[in-house]
Amino acid sequence: MLKIAAIDGTLKDVKISDLDQNALLKDVGTITPEEGMKEIVVDIGGVKTVAINLLVDKDAGYMVPLIDSYYK
């Protein structure tokens, strides 16, 4: 599970991929600051290299609390 929050702007085109296989694992879409801390569940079993790609609004940011994101 990955937790992520948008800060002062929208996160767009959020996608999680298997980088080695060039495979899309999850298309999250858009995350807004109003959503607060969003939990994203994606199966990464057997994946060696995970990539998280997103577009961030100008003057915005995001937070990923690694202590709360984990592989189960």
PDB file of N, CA and C in Angstrom:
ATOM      1  N   MET A   1       0.839  -1.167   0.000  1.00  0.00           N
ATOM      2  CA  MET A   1       0.000   0.000   0.000  1.00  0.00           C
ATOM      3  C   MET A   1       0.892   1.241   0.000  1.00  0.00           C
ATOM      4  N   LEU A   2       0.522   2.203  -0.809  1.00  0.00           N
ATOM      5  CA  LEU A   2       1.229   3.468  -0.901  1.00  0.00           C
ATOM      6  C   LEU A   2       0.295   4.558  -0.408  1.00  0.00           C
ATOM      7  N   LYS A   3       0.784   5.421   0.467  1.00  0.00           N
ATOM      8  CA  LYS A   3       0.016   6.579   0.900  1.00  0.00           C
ATOM      9  C   LYS A   3       0.666   7.811   0.290  1.00  0.00           C
ATOM     10  N   ILE A   4      -0.186   8.697  -0.249  1.00  0.00           N
ATOM     11  CA  ILE A   4       0.316   9.912  -0.875  1.00  0.00           C
ATOM     12  C   ILE A   4      -0.717  11.030  -0.704  1.00  0.00           C
ATOM     13  N   ALA A   5      -0.230  12.249  -0.526  1.00  0.00           N
ATOM     14  CA  ALA A   5      -1.113  13.406  -0.392  1.00  0.00           C
ATOM     15  C   ALA A   5      -0.622  14.525  -1.296  1.00  0.00           C
ATOM     16  N   ALA A   6      -1.558  15.208  -1.933  1.00  0.00           N
ATOM     17  CA  ALA A   6      -1.252  16.397  -2.728  1.00  0.00           C
ATOM     18  C   ALA A   6      -1.243  17.605  -1.802  1.00  0.00           C
ATOM     19  N   ILE A   7      -0.269  18.492  -1.997  1.00  0.00           N
ATOM     20  CA  ILE A   7      -0.138  19.677  -1.159  1.00  0.00           C
ATOM     21  C   ILE A   7      -0.181  20.922  -2.046  1.00  0.00           C
ATOM     22  N   ASP A   8      -1.139  21.797  -1.787  1.00  0.00           N
ATOM     23  CA  ASP A   8      -1.264  23.091  -2.484  1.00  0.00           C
ATOM     24  C   ASP A   8      -1.429  22.964  -3.990  1.00  0.00           C
ATOM     25  N   GLY A   9      -1.948  21.853  -4.480  1.00  0.00           N
ATOM     26  CA  GLY A   9      -2.188  21.685  -5.909  1.00  0.00           C
ATOM     27  C   GLY A   9      -2.514  20.242  -6.229  1.00  0.00           C
ATOM     28  N   THR A  10      -2.904  20.009  -7.454  1.00  0.00           N
ATOM     29  CA  THR A  10      -3.354  18.697  -7.887  1.00  0.00           C
ATOM     30  C   THR A  10      -2.215  17.860  -8.451  1.00  0.00           C
ATOM     31  N   LEU A  11      -2.254  16.563  -8.154  1.00  0.00           N
ATOM     32  CA  LEU A  11      -1.353  15.592  -8.780  1.00  0.00           C
ATOM     33  C   LEU A  11      -2.139  14.960  -9.922  1.00  0.00           C
ATOM     34  N   LYS A  12      -1.586  14.999 -11.115  1.00  0.00           N
ATOM     35  CA  LYS A  12      -2.297  14.504 -12.290  1.00  0.00           C
ATOM     36  C   LYS A  12      -1.552  13.323 -12.902  1.00  0.00           C
ATOM     37  N   ASP A  13      -2.294  12.494 -13.597  1.00  0.00           N
ATOM     38  CA  ASP A  13      -1.731  11.385 -14.366  1.00  0.00           C
ATOM     39  C   ASP A  13      -0.847  10.490 -13.484  1.00  0.00           C
ATOM     40  N   VAL A  14      -1.335  10.157 -12.286  1.00  0.00           N
ATOM     41  CA  VAL A  14      -0.580   9.327 -11.347  1.00  0.00           C
ATOM     42  C   VAL A  14      -0.658   7.874 -11.804  1.00  0.00           C
ATOM     43  N   LYS A  15       0.513   7.294 -12.082  1.00  0.00           N
ATOM     44  CA  LYS A  15       0.574   5.912 -12.568  1.00  0.00           C
ATOM     45  C   LYS A  15       1.690   5.159 -11.857  1.00  0.00           C
ATOM     46  N   ILE A  16       1.426   3.893 -11.558  1.00  0.00           N
ATOM     47  CA  ILE A  16       2.413   3.014 -10.932  1.00  0.00           C
ATOM     48  C   ILE A  16       2.719   1.914 -11.927  1.00  0.00           C
ATOM     49  N   SER A  17       4.015   1.701 -12.198  1.00  0.00           N
ATOM     50  CA  SER A  17       4.426   0.773 -13.244  1.00  0.00           C
ATOM     51  C   SER A  17       5.517  -0.176 -12.794  1.00  0.00           C
ATOM     52  N   ASP A  18       5.582  -1.321 -13.467  1.00  0.00           N
ATOM     53  CA  ASP A  18       6.699  -2.258 -13.361  1.00  0.00           C
ATOM     54  C   ASP A  18       7.712  -1.775 -14.397  1.00  0.00           C
ATOM     55  N   LEU A  19       8.795  -1.190 -13.935  1.00  0.00           N
ATOM     56  CA  LEU A  19       9.764  -0.574 -14.831  1.00  0.00           C
ATOM     57  C   LEU A  19      10.504  -1.603 -15.681  1.00  0.00           C
ATOM     58  N   ASP A  20      10.805  -2.766 -15.114  1.00  0.00           N
ATOM     59  CA  ASP A  20      11.543  -3.793 -15.859  1.00  0.00           C
ATOM     60  C   ASP A  20      10.718  -4.394 -16.994  1.00  0.00           C
ATOM     61  N   GLN A  21       9.418  -4.579 -16.760  1.00  0.00           N
ATOM     62  CA  GLN A  21       8.539  -5.188 -17.766  1.00  0.00           C
ATOM     63  C   GLN A  21       7.792  -4.142 -18.603  1.00  0.00           C
ATOM     64  N   ASN A  22       8.015  -2.864 -18.273  1.00  0.00           N
ATOM     65  CA  ASN A  22       7.315  -1.769 -18.955  1.00  0.00           C
ATOM     66  C   ASN A  22       5.801  -2.015 -18.945  1.00  0.00           C
ATOM     67  N   ALA A  23       5.286  -2.370 -17.744  1.00  0.00           N
ATOM     68  CA  ALA A  23       3.873  -2.694 -17.601  1.00  0.00           C
ATOM     69  C   ALA A  23       3.209  -1.761 -16.596  1.00  0.00           C
ATOM     70  N   LEU A  24       2.045  -1.258 -16.958  1.00  0.00           N
ATOM     71  CA  LEU A  24       1.268  -0.416 -16.065  1.00  0.00           C
ATOM     72  C   LEU A  24       0.589  -1.302 -15.026  1.00  0.00           C
ATOM     73  N   LEU A  25       0.837  -1.022 -13.749  1.00  0.00           N
ATOM     74  CA  LEU A  25       0.225  -1.783 -12.664  1.00  0.00           C
ATOM     75  C   LEU A  25      -1.072  -1.121 -12.183  1.00  0.00           C
ATOM     76  N   LYS A  26      -1.083   0.215 -12.159  1.00  0.00           N
ATOM     77  CA  LYS A  26      -2.283   0.925 -11.695  1.00  0.00           C
ATOM     78  C   LYS A  26      -2.269   2.349 -12.229  1.00  0.00           C
ATOM     79  N   ASP A  27      -3.402   2.769 -12.774  1.00  0.00           N
ATOM     80  CA  ASP A  27      -3.608   4.152 -13.198  1.00  0.00           C
ATOM     81  C   ASP A  27      -4.492   4.801 -12.138  1.00  0.00           C
ATOM     82  N   VAL A  28      -3.892   5.617 -11.294  1.00  0.00           N
ATOM     83  CA  VAL A  28      -4.596   6.231 -10.167  1.00  0.00           C
ATOM     84  C   VAL A  28      -5.396   7.446 -10.627  1.00  0.00           C
ATOM     85  N   GLY A  29      -4.931   8.115 -11.659  1.00  0.00           N
ATOM     86  CA  GLY A  29      -5.626   9.295 -12.165  1.00  0.00           C
ATOM     87  C   GLY A  29      -5.173  10.555 -11.467  1.00  0.00           C
ATOM     88  N   THR A  30      -6.107  11.278 -10.848  1.00  0.00           N
ATOM     89  CA  THR A  30      -5.840  12.568 -10.225  1.00  0.00           C
ATOM     90  C   THR A  30      -6.015  12.476  -8.711  1.00  0.00           C
ATOM     91  N   ILE A  31      -5.146  13.183  -7.982  1.00  0.00           N
ATOM     92  CA  ILE A  31      -5.256  13.283  -6.533  1.00  0.00           C
ATOM     93  C   ILE A  31      -5.271  14.770  -6.180  1.00  0.00           C
ATOM     94  N   THR A  32      -6.276  15.176  -5.406  1.00  0.00           N
ATOM     95  CA  THR A  32      -6.406  16.578  -5.023  1.00  0.00           C
ATOM     96  C   THR A  32      -6.083  16.762  -3.538  1.00  0.00           C
ATOM     97  N   PRO A  33      -5.729  17.972  -3.139  1.00  0.00           N
ATOM     98  CA  PRO A  33      -5.464  18.232  -1.722  1.00  0.00           C
ATOM     99  C   PRO A  33      -6.682  17.942  -0.836  1.00  0.00           C
ATOM    100  N   GLU A  34      -7.876  18.115  -1.364  1.00  0.00           N
ATOM    101  CA  GLU A  34      -9.094  17.885  -0.600  1.00  0.00           C
ATOM    102  C   GLU A  34      -9.269  16.416  -0.197  1.00  0.00           C
ATOM    103  N   GLU A  35      -8.623  15.514  -0.923  1.00  0.00           N
ATOM    104  CA  GLU A  35      -8.729  14.082  -0.611  1.00  0.00           C
ATOM    105  C   GLU A  35      -7.907  13.693   0.619  1.00  0.00           C
ATOM    106  N   GLY A  36      -7.010  14.570   1.033  1.00  0.00           N
ATOM    107  CA  GLY A  36      -6.149  14.245   2.167  1.00  0.00           C
ATOM    108  C   GLY A  36      -5.173  13.139   1.805  1.00  0.00           C
ATOM    109  N   MET A  37      -4.802  12.338   2.791  1.00  0.00           N
ATOM    110  CA  MET A  37      -3.865  11.237   2.570  1.00  0.00           C
ATOM    111  C   MET A  37      -4.602  10.105   1.854  1.00  0.00           C
ATOM    112  N   LYS A  38      -4.220   9.820   0.627  1.00  0.00           N
ATOM    113  CA  LYS A  38      -4.891   8.795  -0.177  1.00  0.00           C
ATOM    114  C   LYS A  38      -4.130   7.479  -0.083  1.00  0.00           C
ATOM    115  N   GLU A  39      -4.848   6.390   0.122  1.00  0.00           N
ATOM    116  CA  GLU A  39      -4.249   5.058   0.167  1.00  0.00           C
ATOM    117  C   GLU A  39      -4.438   4.391  -1.185  1.00  0.00           C
ATOM    118  N   ILE A  40      -3.326   3.922  -1.755  1.00  0.00           N
ATOM    119  CA  ILE A  40      -3.365   3.253  -3.052  1.00  0.00           C
ATOM    120  C   ILE A  40      -2.887   1.822  -2.844  1.00  0.00           C
ATOM    121  N   VAL A  41      -3.734   0.880  -3.215  1.00  0.00           N
ATOM    122  CA  VAL A  41      -3.379  -0.533  -3.092  1.00  0.00           C
ATOM    123  C   VAL A  41      -3.083  -1.059  -4.489  1.00  0.00           C
ATOM    124  N   VAL A  42      -1.891  -1.653  -4.652  1.00  0.00           N
ATOM    125  CA  VAL A  42      -1.491  -2.208  -5.946  1.00  0.00           C
ATOM    126  C   VAL A  42      -0.649  -3.454  -5.696  1.00  0.00           C
ATOM    127  N   ASP A  43      -0.854  -4.494  -6.498  1.00  0.00           N
ATOM    128  CA  ASP A  43      -0.110  -5.743  -6.349  1.00  0.00           C
ATOM    129  C   ASP A  43       1.262  -5.592  -7.011  1.00  0.00           C
ATOM    130  N   ILE A  44       2.328  -5.633  -6.189  1.00  0.00           N
ATOM    131  CA  ILE A  44       3.684  -5.536  -6.720  1.00  0.00           C
ATOM    132  C   ILE A  44       4.458  -6.836  -6.482  1.00  0.00           C
ATOM    133  N   GLY A  45       3.739  -7.913  -6.220  1.00  0.00           N
ATOM    134  CA  GLY A  45       4.391  -9.206  -6.020  1.00  0.00           C
ATOM    135  C   GLY A  45       5.195  -9.606  -7.249  1.00  0.00           C
ATOM    136  N   GLY A  46       6.453  -9.945  -7.063  1.00  0.00           N
ATOM    137  CA  GLY A  46       7.321 -10.361  -8.161  1.00  0.00           C
ATOM    138  C   GLY A  46       7.930  -9.218  -8.955  1.00  0.00           C
ATOM    139  N   VAL A  47       7.572  -7.983  -8.626  1.00  0.00           N
ATOM    140  CA  VAL A  47       8.104  -6.825  -9.347  1.00  0.00           C
ATOM    141  C   VAL A  47       9.416  -6.404  -8.698  1.00  0.00           C
ATOM    142  N   LYS A  48      10.449  -6.232  -9.514  1.00  0.00           N
ATOM    143  CA  LYS A  48      11.762  -5.828  -8.993  1.00  0.00           C
ATOM    144  C   LYS A  48      11.926  -4.323  -8.916  1.00  0.00           C
ATOM    145  N   THR A  49      11.416  -3.603  -9.910  1.00  0.00           N
ATOM    146  CA  THR A  49      11.586  -2.152  -9.961  1.00  0.00           C
ATOM    147  C   THR A  49      10.238  -1.482 -10.189  1.00  0.00           C
ATOM    148  N   VAL A  50       9.779  -0.735  -9.186  1.00  0.00           N
ATOM    149  CA  VAL A  50       8.501  -0.032  -9.265  1.00  0.00           C
ATOM    150  C   VAL A  50       8.768   1.442  -9.558  1.00  0.00           C
ATOM    151  N   ALA A  51       7.994   2.004 -10.481  1.00  0.00           N
ATOM    152  CA  ALA A  51       8.094   3.424 -10.799  1.00  0.00           C
ATOM    153  C   ALA A  51       6.751   4.095 -10.518  1.00  0.00           C
ATOM    154  N   ILE A  52       6.810   5.267  -9.888  1.00  0.00           N
ATOM    155  CA  ILE A  52       5.615   6.065  -9.656  1.00  0.00           C
ATOM    156  C   ILE A  52       5.802   7.371 -10.422  1.00  0.00           C
ATOM    157  N   ASN A  53       4.952   7.589 -11.414  1.00  0.00           N
ATOM    158  CA  ASN A  53       5.041   8.791 -12.251  1.00  0.00           C
ATOM    159  C   ASN A  53       3.823   9.662 -12.019  1.00  0.00           C
ATOM    160  N   LEU A  54       4.049  10.976 -11.974  1.00  0.00           N
ATOM    161  CA  LEU A  54       2.953  11.919 -11.781  1.00  0.00           C
ATOM    162  C   LEU A  54       3.348  13.296 -12.266  1.00  0.00           C
ATOM    163  N   LEU A  55       2.334  14.093 -12.557  1.00  0.00           N
ATOM    164  CA  LEU A  55       2.533  15.495 -12.921  1.00  0.00           C
ATOM    165  C   LEU A  55       2.040  16.342 -11.761  1.00  0.00           C
ATOM    166  N   VAL A  56       2.826  17.335 -11.368  1.00  0.00           N
ATOM    167  CA  VAL A  56       2.507  18.177 -10.217  1.00  0.00           C
ATOM    168  C   VAL A  56       2.242  19.597 -10.699  1.00  0.00           C
ATOM    169  N   ASP A  57       1.123  20.190 -10.220  1.00  0.00           N
ATOM    170  CA  ASP A  57       0.826  21.585 -10.547  1.00  0.00           C
ATOM    171  C   ASP A  57       1.989  22.484 -10.127  1.00  0.00           C
ATOM    172  N   LYS A  58       2.164  23.593 -10.838  1.00  0.00           N
ATOM    173  CA  LYS A  58       3.189  24.569 -10.496  1.00  0.00           C
ATOM    174  C   LYS A  58       2.966  25.065  -9.062  1.00  0.00           C
ATOM    175  N   ASP A  59       4.037  25.194  -8.313  1.00  0.00           N
ATOM    176  CA  ASP A  59       4.015  25.653  -6.922  1.00  0.00           C
ATOM    177  C   ASP A  59       3.266  24.701  -5.986  1.00  0.00           C
ATOM    178  N   ALA A  60       3.092  23.456  -6.395  1.00  0.00           N
ATOM    179  CA  ALA A  60       2.444  22.448  -5.559  1.00  0.00           C
ATOM    180  C   ALA A  60       3.485  21.410  -5.151  1.00  0.00           C
ATOM    181  N   GLY A  61       3.075  20.489  -4.323  1.00  0.00           N
ATOM    182  CA  GLY A  61       3.979  19.427  -3.898  1.00  0.00           C
ATOM    183  C   GLY A  61       3.189  18.203  -3.494  1.00  0.00           C
ATOM    184  N   TYR A  62       3.897  17.219  -2.976  1.00  0.00           N
ATOM    185  CA  TYR A  62       3.239  16.014  -2.505  1.00  0.00           C
ATOM    186  C   TYR A  62       4.058  15.402  -1.380  1.00  0.00           C
ATOM    187  N   MET A  63       3.406  14.538  -0.615  1.00  0.00           N
ATOM    188  CA  MET A  63       4.063  13.888   0.503  1.00  0.00           C
ATOM    189  C   MET A  63       3.765  12.391   0.447  1.00  0.00           C
ATOM    190  N   VAL A  64       4.820  11.596   0.630  1.00  0.00           N
ATOM    191  CA  VAL A  64       4.695  10.139   0.714  1.00  0.00           C
ATOM    192  C   VAL A  64       5.322   9.715   2.039  1.00  0.00           C
ATOM    193  N   PRO A  65       4.501   9.440   3.061  1.00  0.00           N
ATOM    194  CA  PRO A  65       5.061   9.010   4.340  1.00  0.00           C
ATOM    195  C   PRO A  65       5.511   7.548   4.240  1.00  0.00           C
ATOM    196  N   LEU A  66       6.793   7.345   4.112  1.00  0.00           N
ATOM    197  CA  LEU A  66       7.315   5.991   3.894  1.00  0.00           C
ATOM    198  C   LEU A  66       7.048   5.059   5.068  1.00  0.00           C
ATOM    199  N   ILE A  67       6.907   5.594   6.248  1.00  0.00           N
ATOM    200  CA  ILE A  67       6.645   4.750   7.411  1.00  0.00           C
ATOM    201  C   ILE A  67       5.259   4.097   7.320  1.00  0.00           C
ATOM    202  N   ASP A  68       4.333   4.717   6.569  1.00  0.00           N
ATOM    203  CA  ASP A  68       2.985   4.189   6.422  1.00  0.00           C
ATOM    204  C   ASP A  68       2.751   3.459   5.101  1.00  0.00           C
ATOM    205  N   SER A  69       3.718   3.462   4.206  1.00  0.00           N
ATOM    206  CA  SER A  69       3.603   2.761   2.932  1.00  0.00           C
ATOM    207  C   SER A  69       4.387   1.459   3.055  1.00  0.00           C
ATOM    208  N   TYR A  70       3.773   0.370   2.607  1.00  0.00           N
ATOM    209  CA  TYR A  70       4.418  -0.925   2.810  1.00  0.00           C
ATOM    210  C   TYR A  70       4.009  -1.971   1.787  1.00  0.00           C
ATOM    211  N   TYR A  71       4.792  -3.050   1.740  1.00  0.00           N
ATOM    212  CA  TYR A  71       4.505  -4.209   0.903  1.00  0.00           C
ATOM    213  C   TYR A  71       4.092  -5.329   1.834  1.00  0.00           C
ATOM    214  N   LYS A  72       2.951  -5.963   1.533  1.00  0.00           N
ATOM    215  CA  LYS A  72       2.411  -7.013   2.383  1.00  0.00           C
ATOM    216  C   LYS A  72       2.345  -8.312   1.636  1.00  0.00           C
TER     217      LYS A  72
END
